[in-house]
Protein backbone atom coordinates (compact mmCIF):
# COMPACT_ATOMS: atom_id res chain seq x y z
CA MET A 1 0.00 0.00 0.00
CA ARG A 2 2.88 2.32 0.78
CA THR A 3 4.40 1.78 -2.69
CA LEU A 4 1.06 2.47 -4.32
CA ALA A 5 0.70 5.74 -2.37
CA ARG A 6 4.21 6.84 -3.43
CA ALA A 7 3.50 5.94 -7.05
CA LEU A 8 0.20 7.81 -6.99
CA GLY A 9 1.88 10.82 -5.33
CA LEU A 10 4.64 10.81 -7.96
CA LEU A 11 2.02 10.56 -10.72
CA ILE A 12 0.20 13.61 -9.37
CA VAL A 13 3.42 15.64 -8.95
CA MET A 14 4.67 14.76 -12.45
CA THR A 15 1.27 15.47 -13.96
CA VAL A 16 1.22 18.92 -12.40
CA LEU A 17 4.85 19.61 -13.38
CA THR A 18 4.73 18.31 -16.95
CA GLY A 19 1.06 18.95 -17.69
CA LEU A 20 0.61 22.38 -16.14
CA VAL A 21 3.76 24.09 -14.89
CA TYR A 22 6.06 23.29 -17.83
CA PRO A 23 3.54 24.28 -20.58
CA LEU A 24 2.68 27.50 -18.74
CA VAL A 25 6.36 28.44 -18.32
CA VAL A 26 7.17 27.68 -21.96
CA THR A 27 4.09 29.62 -23.13
CA ALA A 28 5.04 32.62 -20.96
CA ILE A 29 8.63 32.61 -22.24
CA ALA A 30 7.41 32.35 -25.84
CA GLN A 31 4.91 35.18 -25.40
CA ILE A 32 7.61 37.41 -23.91
CA ALA A 33 10.54 36.49 -26.17
CA PHE A 34 8.77 35.68 -29.47
CA PRO A 35 5.19 36.99 -29.34
CA ARG A 36 4.66 37.10 -33.13
CA GLU A 37 5.90 33.54 -33.67
CA ALA A 38 4.11 32.20 -30.57
CA ASN A 39 0.84 33.50 -31.96
CA GLY A 40 1.19 31.91 -35.41
CA SER A 41 3.11 34.60 -37.34
CA LEU A 42 -0.21 36.08 -38.42
CA ILE A 43 -0.44 38.80 -41.04
CA GLU A 44 -3.14 41.44 -40.58
CA ARG A 45 -4.53 43.93 -43.06
CA ASP A 46 -7.07 46.58 -42.10
CA GLY A 47 -7.48 44.95 -38.67
CA HIS A 48 -8.31 41.52 -40.10
CA VAL A 49 -6.11 38.43 -40.13
CA VAL A 50 -5.41 37.48 -43.76
CA GLY A 51 -3.19 34.49 -43.05
CA SER A 52 0.07 33.29 -41.59
CA SER A 53 3.51 33.95 -43.00
CA LEU A 54 4.24 30.25 -42.39
CA ILE A 55 1.40 28.67 -44.42
CA GLY A 56 1.00 29.11 -48.17
CA GLN A 57 -2.23 30.32 -49.71
CA PRO A 58 -3.55 29.83 -53.22
CA PHE A 59 -3.82 32.99 -55.32
CA ASP A 60 -5.36 33.01 -58.79
CA ASP A 61 -6.21 36.69 -59.25
CA PRO A 62 -4.14 37.99 -62.20
CA LYS A 63 -3.46 41.16 -60.17
CA LEU A 64 -1.63 39.17 -57.48
CA PHE A 65 1.55 37.12 -57.33
CA TRP A 66 0.84 33.41 -57.49
CA SER A 67 2.20 30.86 -55.05
CA ARG A 68 3.72 27.46 -55.69
CA PRO A 69 1.24 24.76 -56.61
CA SER A 70 0.06 22.74 -53.63
CA ALA A 71 -0.14 18.96 -53.37
CA THR A 72 -2.58 19.01 -50.43
CA THR A 73 -6.09 17.66 -50.73
CA PRO A 74 -9.02 18.15 -50.96
CA GLN A 75 -8.17 21.82 -51.58
CA PRO A 76 -4.85 23.62 -52.18
CA ASP A 77 -2.78 24.75 -49.19
CA ASN A 78 -4.85 22.70 -46.75
CA ALA A 79 -2.86 22.86 -43.50
CA ALA A 80 -4.82 19.89 -42.15
CA SER A 81 -3.50 17.70 -44.99
CA SER A 82 0.16 18.60 -45.33
CA GLY A 83 2.17 16.36 -47.61
CA ALA A 84 3.84 15.98 -50.94
CA SER A 85 2.67 14.04 -53.98
CA ASN A 86 5.60 11.61 -53.62
CA GLN A 87 5.93 11.48 -57.40
CA GLY A 88 9.47 10.94 -58.62
CA PRO A 89 11.07 12.99 -61.42
CA THR A 90 10.42 10.29 -64.02
CA ASN A 91 6.79 9.72 -63.06
CA PRO A 92 4.61 10.39 -66.14
CA ALA A 93 1.89 11.94 -63.96
CA LEU A 94 4.35 14.47 -62.52
CA ILE A 95 5.76 15.29 -65.96
CA GLU A 96 2.27 15.89 -67.33
CA ALA A 97 1.27 17.99 -64.30
CA VAL A 98 4.36 20.18 -64.72
CA LYS A 99 3.67 20.61 -68.44
CA ALA A 100 0.02 21.51 -67.75
CA ARG A 101 1.02 24.07 -65.12
CA ALA A 102 3.57 25.62 -67.47
CA ARG A 103 0.94 25.85 -70.24
CA ALA A 104 -1.51 27.51 -67.83
CA LEU A 105 1.10 30.06 -66.73
CA LYS A 106 2.01 30.86 -70.35
CA ALA A 107 -1.69 31.19 -71.23
CA ALA A 108 -2.17 33.65 -68.34
CA ASP A 109 0.72 35.79 -69.62
CA PRO A 110 1.26 34.97 -73.32
CA GLY A 111 3.69 37.87 -73.82
CA ASN A 112 6.12 36.43 -71.28
CA THR A 113 8.60 34.37 -73.27
CA ALA A 114 11.03 33.72 -70.39
CA PRO A 115 11.36 30.15 -69.13
CA VAL A 116 8.95 29.40 -66.29
CA PRO A 117 10.82 28.98 -62.99
CA VAL A 118 10.62 25.46 -61.61
CA ASP A 119 8.96 26.45 -58.33
CA LEU A 120 5.91 27.77 -60.20
CA VAL A 121 5.24 24.35 -61.70
CA THR A 122 6.29 21.95 -58.91
CA THR A 123 4.92 21.48 -55.40
CA SER A 124 6.97 21.75 -52.24
CA GLY A 125 7.67 18.89 -49.85
CA SER A 126 4.94 19.96 -47.44
CA GLY A 127 2.53 21.31 -50.03
CA LEU A 128 2.22 24.42 -47.84
CA ASP A 129 5.27 26.47 -48.80
CA PRO A 130 4.48 30.19 -48.38
CA HIS A 131 7.56 31.21 -50.40
CA ILE A 132 8.62 31.35 -54.01
CA SER A 133 12.05 32.06 -55.38
CA PRO A 134 12.94 35.61 -56.39
CA ALA A 135 13.11 34.28 -59.98
CA ALA A 136 9.49 33.07 -59.72
CA ALA A 137 8.37 36.45 -58.37
CA LEU A 138 10.30 38.35 -61.04
CA TRP A 139 8.83 36.11 -63.77
CA GLN A 140 5.38 37.40 -62.74
CA VAL A 141 6.37 41.10 -62.70
CA PRO A 142 5.19 41.96 -66.27
CA ARG A 143 1.69 40.57 -65.61
CA ILE A 144 1.43 42.33 -62.25
CA ALA A 145 2.72 45.64 -63.63
CA ARG A 146 0.18 45.58 -66.50
CA ALA A 147 -2.68 44.63 -64.16
CA HIS A 148 -1.93 47.53 -61.81
CA GLY A 149 -0.78 50.05 -64.40
CA LEU A 150 2.58 50.32 -62.66
CA PRO A 151 6.05 50.49 -64.19
CA GLU A 152 7.81 47.13 -64.13
CA LYS A 153 10.72 48.77 -62.34
CA ALA A 154 8.45 49.66 -59.38
CA VAL A 155 7.13 46.11 -59.14
CA ARG A 156 10.67 44.68 -59.36
CA GLU A 157 11.66 46.99 -56.49
CA LEU A 158 8.70 45.68 -54.48
CA VAL A 159 9.94 42.11 -55.07
CA ARG A 160 13.46 43.12 -54.09
CA ARG A 161 12.24 44.66 -50.83
CA HIS A 162 10.35 41.45 -49.99
CA THR A 163 13.20 39.08 -50.82
CA GLU A 164 14.47 37.38 -47.69
CA GLY A 165 18.09 36.24 -47.65
CA ARG A 166 19.52 32.96 -46.48
CA GLN A 167 18.99 32.22 -42.79
CA LEU A 168 22.16 33.00 -40.84
CA GLY A 169 23.67 33.91 -44.20
CA VAL A 170 24.18 30.27 -45.25
CA LEU A 171 21.01 28.20 -44.74
CA GLY A 172 18.44 27.83 -47.49
CA GLU A 173 17.96 29.97 -50.54
CA PRO A 174 16.73 33.54 -50.99
CA ARG A 175 12.93 33.56 -51.02
CA VAL A 176 9.86 35.77 -51.25
CA ASN A 177 6.83 35.32 -48.99
CA VAL A 178 3.87 35.53 -51.39
CA LEU A 179 1.25 36.55 -48.84
CA GLU A 180 3.40 39.37 -47.48
CA LEU A 181 4.24 40.55 -51.01
CA ASN A 182 0.58 40.49 -52.04
CA SER A 183 -0.45 42.31 -48.84
CA THR A 184 1.96 45.13 -49.68
CA LEU A 185 0.86 45.13 -53.32
CA THR A 186 -2.84 45.43 -52.43
CA SER A 187 -2.11 48.22 -49.97
CA LEU A 188 -0.76 50.27 -52.91
CA ARG A 189 -4.21 50.36 -54.55
């Protein structure tokens, strides 16, 4: 009986420590040290949350920059269904999907004769990537400039200002957060 009482006492103490105290301490530290990240890295416009800088969103309006294609189902950029298509580079279904996406992009901007950047026709590993490469953003500049009646140079400058460098100067590749770029672009209207 004595062993059972000790075990039960230890269970209660550990439950309080690991189930209440530890999560509350970590939450408090996060809210003090990293409040934006602790609250989901949300982006607001006109007092309304428009999304998170960590989760991609589908954009199909010709006046906006378009994100990477998403492999999530049943709808694009479904955070509840993160995952890749798992199709290898020689898979005929992937090859056809890439060709179809490239045709759709060319049809949306027939005057753009530059090669379509790979990240505009392939999905990311998670299917939720909020970023595109600077090349993918710059490829879309002529369409965006025409749609807004802006000089291409001004739109290129907007892309440049929203280009994030490598983390710690060496990790990853330069990238552009599409939601943040589009939020700035729509605020110019």
